[in-house]
Each structure stands twice: as structure tokens, then as C-alpha cells.
Protein backbone atom coordinates (compact mmCIF):
# COMPACT_ATOMS: atom_id res chain seq x y z
CA GLN A 1 3.46 25.35 -0.63
CA MET A 2 3.74 21.63 -0.05
CA GLN A 3 5.43 19.41 -2.60
CA LEU A 4 6.63 15.80 -2.58
CA VAL A 5 8.30 14.22 -5.62
CA GLU A 6 9.30 10.57 -5.40
CA SER A 7 11.59 8.84 -7.89
CA GLY A 8 13.79 5.78 -8.35
CA GLY A 9 11.23 3.01 -8.63
CA GLY A 10 11.26 0.33 -11.29
CA LEU A 11 11.13 -3.36 -12.09
CA VAL A 12 13.69 -5.57 -10.36
CA GLN A 13 14.14 -9.28 -9.79
CA ALA A 14 13.84 -10.78 -6.34
CA GLY A 15 17.08 -10.30 -4.43
CA GLY A 16 17.86 -7.07 -6.24
CA SER A 17 18.18 -3.52 -4.96
CA LEU A 18 16.68 -0.11 -5.62
CA ARG A 19 17.26 3.33 -4.17
CA LEU A 20 14.31 5.67 -3.89
CA SER A 21 14.60 9.44 -3.57
CA CYS A 22 12.11 12.05 -2.45
CA ALA A 23 12.46 15.78 -3.01
CA ALA A 24 10.32 17.63 -0.49
CA SER A 25 9.45 21.27 -0.10
CA GLY A 26 11.03 22.95 2.88
CA SER A 27 7.64 23.44 4.47
CA ILE A 28 7.37 19.67 4.81
CA PHE A 29 11.00 18.66 5.29
CA SER A 30 11.55 21.09 8.14
CA ILE A 31 9.05 19.04 10.11
CA ASN A 32 10.84 16.64 12.41
CA ALA A 33 9.99 13.17 11.20
CA MET A 34 9.73 11.87 7.63
CA GLY A 35 8.77 8.43 6.42
CA TRP A 36 8.36 6.10 3.49
CA TYR A 37 4.97 4.52 2.98
CA ARG A 38 4.03 1.58 0.77
CA GLN A 39 0.70 0.70 -0.81
CA ALA A 40 0.61 -2.83 -2.13
CA PRO A 41 -2.09 -3.86 -4.62
CA GLY A 42 -5.41 -4.27 -2.84
CA LYS A 43 -3.99 -3.21 0.52
CA GLN A 44 -3.97 -0.09 2.64
CA ARG A 45 -0.99 2.22 2.66
CA GLU A 46 1.45 1.40 5.46
CA LEU A 47 4.45 3.12 6.98
CA VAL A 48 7.57 1.02 6.35
CA ALA A 49 10.37 3.32 7.54
CA ALA A 50 10.68 6.59 9.44
CA ILE A 51 13.47 8.95 10.40
CA THR A 52 13.66 11.95 12.70
CA LYS A 53 15.47 15.15 11.82
CA GLY A 54 18.29 13.96 14.08
CA GLY A 55 18.63 10.66 12.25
CA SER A 56 16.88 8.19 14.54
CA THR A 57 15.22 5.49 12.47
CA ASN A 58 12.42 2.97 12.83
CA TYR A 59 11.32 0.18 10.50
CA ALA A 60 8.39 -2.13 9.98
CA ASP A 61 9.21 -5.73 10.84
CA SER A 62 8.72 -6.72 7.21
CA VAL A 63 11.64 -4.56 6.00
CA GLU A 64 13.92 -4.49 9.04
CA GLY A 65 17.47 -5.40 8.05
CA ARG A 66 16.81 -4.96 4.31
CA PHE A 67 15.78 -1.31 3.94
CA THR A 68 17.69 1.77 5.09
CA ILE A 69 16.11 5.21 5.35
CA SER A 70 18.25 8.33 5.31
CA ARG A 71 17.87 12.07 4.78
CA ASP A 72 19.91 15.02 3.59
CA ASN A 73 18.59 18.00 5.52
CA ALA A 74 20.61 20.46 3.42
CA LYS A 75 18.94 19.21 0.23
CA ASN A 76 15.45 18.53 1.66
CA THR A 77 15.78 15.01 0.28
CA LEU A 78 14.76 11.66 1.71
CA TYR A 79 16.15 8.31 0.58
CA LEU A 80 15.23 4.65 0.90
CA GLN A 81 17.85 2.03 0.07
CA MET A 82 16.08 -1.26 -0.54
CA ASN A 83 18.14 -4.46 -0.65
CA SER A 84 17.22 -8.15 -0.89
CA LEU A 85 13.91 -7.20 -2.43
CA LYS A 86 11.03 -9.67 -2.31
CA PRO A 87 7.90 -9.92 -4.47
CA GLU A 88 5.86 -8.80 -1.44
CA ASP A 89 7.73 -5.48 -1.52
CA THR A 90 5.84 -4.64 -4.71
CA GLY A 91 3.75 -1.51 -4.47
CA VAL A 92 3.68 2.25 -4.86
CA TYR A 93 6.08 3.98 -2.50
CA TYR A 94 5.37 7.44 -1.11
CA CYS A 95 7.36 9.73 1.14
CA ASN A 96 5.67 12.01 3.63
CA ALA A 97 5.77 13.50 7.07
CA PRO A 98 3.38 11.72 9.43
CA VAL A 99 2.04 15.04 10.71
CA VAL A 100 1.21 16.09 7.13
CA VAL A 101 -0.64 12.83 6.60
CA ILE A 102 -2.72 13.42 9.71
CA LYS A 103 -3.43 17.14 9.25
CA TYR A 104 -3.70 17.50 5.46
CA ASN A 105 -3.76 14.03 3.88
CA TYR A 106 -1.52 15.48 1.14
CA TRP A 107 0.47 12.98 -0.98
CA GLY A 108 2.84 13.08 -3.91
CA GLN A 109 2.43 10.87 -6.98
CA GLY A 110 4.53 8.03 -5.56
CA THR A 111 6.93 5.74 -7.40
CA GLN A 112 6.10 2.20 -8.50
CA VAL A 113 8.30 -0.68 -7.33
CA THR A 114 7.72 -4.08 -8.89
CA VAL A 115 9.68 -7.11 -7.73
CA SER A 116 9.45 -10.19 -9.92
CA SER A 117 10.00 -13.71 -8.60
């Protein structure tokens, strides 16, 4: 059974930090790559950070140098450390495995991040 539960969002001032967490079922987490996606108001969902099971990471240009993705394979948990937040980082953040997105289009409830100026 697939399950994704995101947490850690909230309201923060520009320049602040938040740490998101995602508890995933083993059926999803055992898949190689995981990622954090963001859906800003009125925009399509986009992949902002990804990590392989071995720890290789990749970031969207808009968050490079400010966000850090990490994973705990023993706990089936994904993290996103977000620093130097900007108002344009506002949106609902989701974790997922890209292959799950493509094959099943299954999503968790997401966690809202709001950055005030």
C-alpha cells in the first residue's frame, strides 16, 4: 500500500527557515529516487529537489544553494531543509518518487509553506 505523509510546513518571514519531513511507505521509499515537489498558487507542480537512494542530489535553479534534500533510508523518511526563504517559495510541498508520479499519479496531502515579505 502506498502512503506519503508530509509535515513541517507553516508561515515564516522572508529569510527564515523551515524543515519539511515526509514519511513514506516502504513500497515507495524502496524505489531509487525521491523528490520534493512544489505547487505555487496558480502554477503547475514542479520538482524542486531530488535524491537517489545513494544520496546523489539535484536541485532546481530557483532553490539551489538554499534548500537541502536528505533521506533516512532506515526510517523511510525524506527531508527538505529550506533556508533563506523567499515569498516565491510559497506553495504546497509534496514528496514523491518520480516513477510513482508517472505510473500512478498518487500524491499525499502535502504541507503548506507560506513566506511573508
